[in-house]
């Protein structure tokens, strides 16, 4: 699927490949689209949780929520400092 990439986006892609983190522009774009899909999925989950809370769901304690998030993260992803 051919498409025109704006100059600023092209520079971002080229810089990512030049950094050595990615082998090609395709790999950069694939990674970016996967990250965008994950953000969209996370946003829907947050919106659903807020809706359930407004409808009276007590939810779970924050410590339990963080534990569940940490357990669901793939190994090797950078963890935030505690």
Protein backbone atom coordinates (compact mmCIF):
# COMPACT_ATOMS: atom_id res chain seq x y z
CA UNK A 1 0.00 0.00 0.00
CA UNK A 2 1.91 3.04 -1.18
CA UNK A 3 1.41 6.33 0.62
CA UNK A 4 3.13 9.69 0.98
CA UNK A 5 5.06 10.19 4.23
CA UNK A 6 5.46 13.78 5.45
CA UNK A 7 9.07 15.00 5.66
CA UNK A 8 9.03 15.23 9.48
CA UNK A 9 7.81 11.63 9.80
CA UNK A 10 10.38 10.44 7.29
CA UNK A 11 13.13 12.11 9.33
CA UNK A 12 11.90 10.38 12.49
CA UNK A 13 11.96 7.01 10.72
CA UNK A 14 15.43 7.61 9.24
CA UNK A 15 16.75 8.67 12.67
CA UNK A 16 15.38 5.50 14.28
CA UNK A 17 17.04 3.31 11.66
CA UNK A 18 20.29 5.30 12.00
CA UNK A 19 20.21 4.73 15.77
CA UNK A 20 20.64 1.01 15.10
CA UNK A 21 17.53 0.10 17.03
CA UNK A 22 15.70 -0.87 13.83
CA UNK A 23 16.95 -2.51 10.65
CA UNK A 24 14.51 -0.79 8.28
CA UNK A 25 11.85 1.86 7.92
CA UNK A 26 9.26 -0.90 7.69
CA UNK A 27 10.34 -2.18 11.10
CA UNK A 28 10.05 1.34 12.60
CA UNK A 29 6.56 1.82 11.18
CA UNK A 30 5.44 -1.65 12.28
CA UNK A 31 6.65 -0.96 15.82
CA UNK A 32 4.97 2.45 15.86
CA UNK A 33 1.65 0.99 14.68
CA UNK A 34 1.83 -1.77 17.31
CA UNK A 35 2.49 0.85 20.00
CA UNK A 36 -0.45 2.93 18.76
CA UNK A 37 -2.72 -0.11 18.82
CA UNK A 38 -1.62 -0.84 22.41
CA UNK A 39 -2.33 2.74 23.47
CA UNK A 40 -5.78 2.55 21.87
CA UNK A 41 -6.46 -0.77 23.64
CA UNK A 42 -5.30 0.66 26.98
CA UNK A 43 -7.50 3.73 26.55
CA UNK A 44 -10.58 1.58 25.93
CA UNK A 45 -9.77 -0.49 29.04
CA UNK A 46 -9.42 2.67 31.13
CA UNK A 47 -12.68 4.10 29.78
CA UNK A 48 -14.46 0.81 30.53
CA UNK A 49 -13.06 0.75 34.07
CA UNK A 50 -14.16 4.34 34.74
CA UNK A 51 -17.62 3.55 33.39
CA UNK A 52 -17.87 0.50 35.67
CA UNK A 53 -16.71 2.61 38.62
CA UNK A 54 -19.37 5.24 37.88
CA UNK A 55 -21.92 2.43 37.76
CA UNK A 56 -20.99 1.36 41.30
CA UNK A 57 -18.18 -1.17 40.86
CA UNK A 58 -15.87 -0.93 43.89
CA UNK A 59 -12.87 -1.93 41.78
CA UNK A 60 -9.72 -3.38 43.33
CA UNK A 61 -7.12 -1.85 45.66
CA UNK A 62 -4.45 0.18 43.84
CA UNK A 63 -1.61 -2.06 45.03
CA UNK A 64 -3.41 -5.08 43.56
CA UNK A 65 -3.98 -3.22 40.30
CA UNK A 66 -0.26 -2.38 40.00
CA UNK A 67 0.68 -5.97 40.81
CA UNK A 68 -1.67 -7.22 38.09
CA UNK A 69 -0.16 -4.78 35.58
CA UNK A 70 3.40 -5.80 36.47
CA UNK A 71 2.53 -9.48 36.11
CA UNK A 72 0.99 -8.90 32.68
CA UNK A 73 4.04 -7.09 31.27
CA UNK A 74 6.23 -9.11 28.89
CA UNK A 75 9.70 -9.88 30.21
CA UNK A 76 12.39 -7.57 28.95
CA UNK A 77 10.30 -4.42 28.80
CA UNK A 78 11.76 -1.51 30.70
CA UNK A 79 10.23 -1.11 34.13
CA UNK A 80 9.55 2.28 35.68
CA UNK A 81 11.57 3.11 38.77
CA UNK A 82 9.67 2.58 42.00
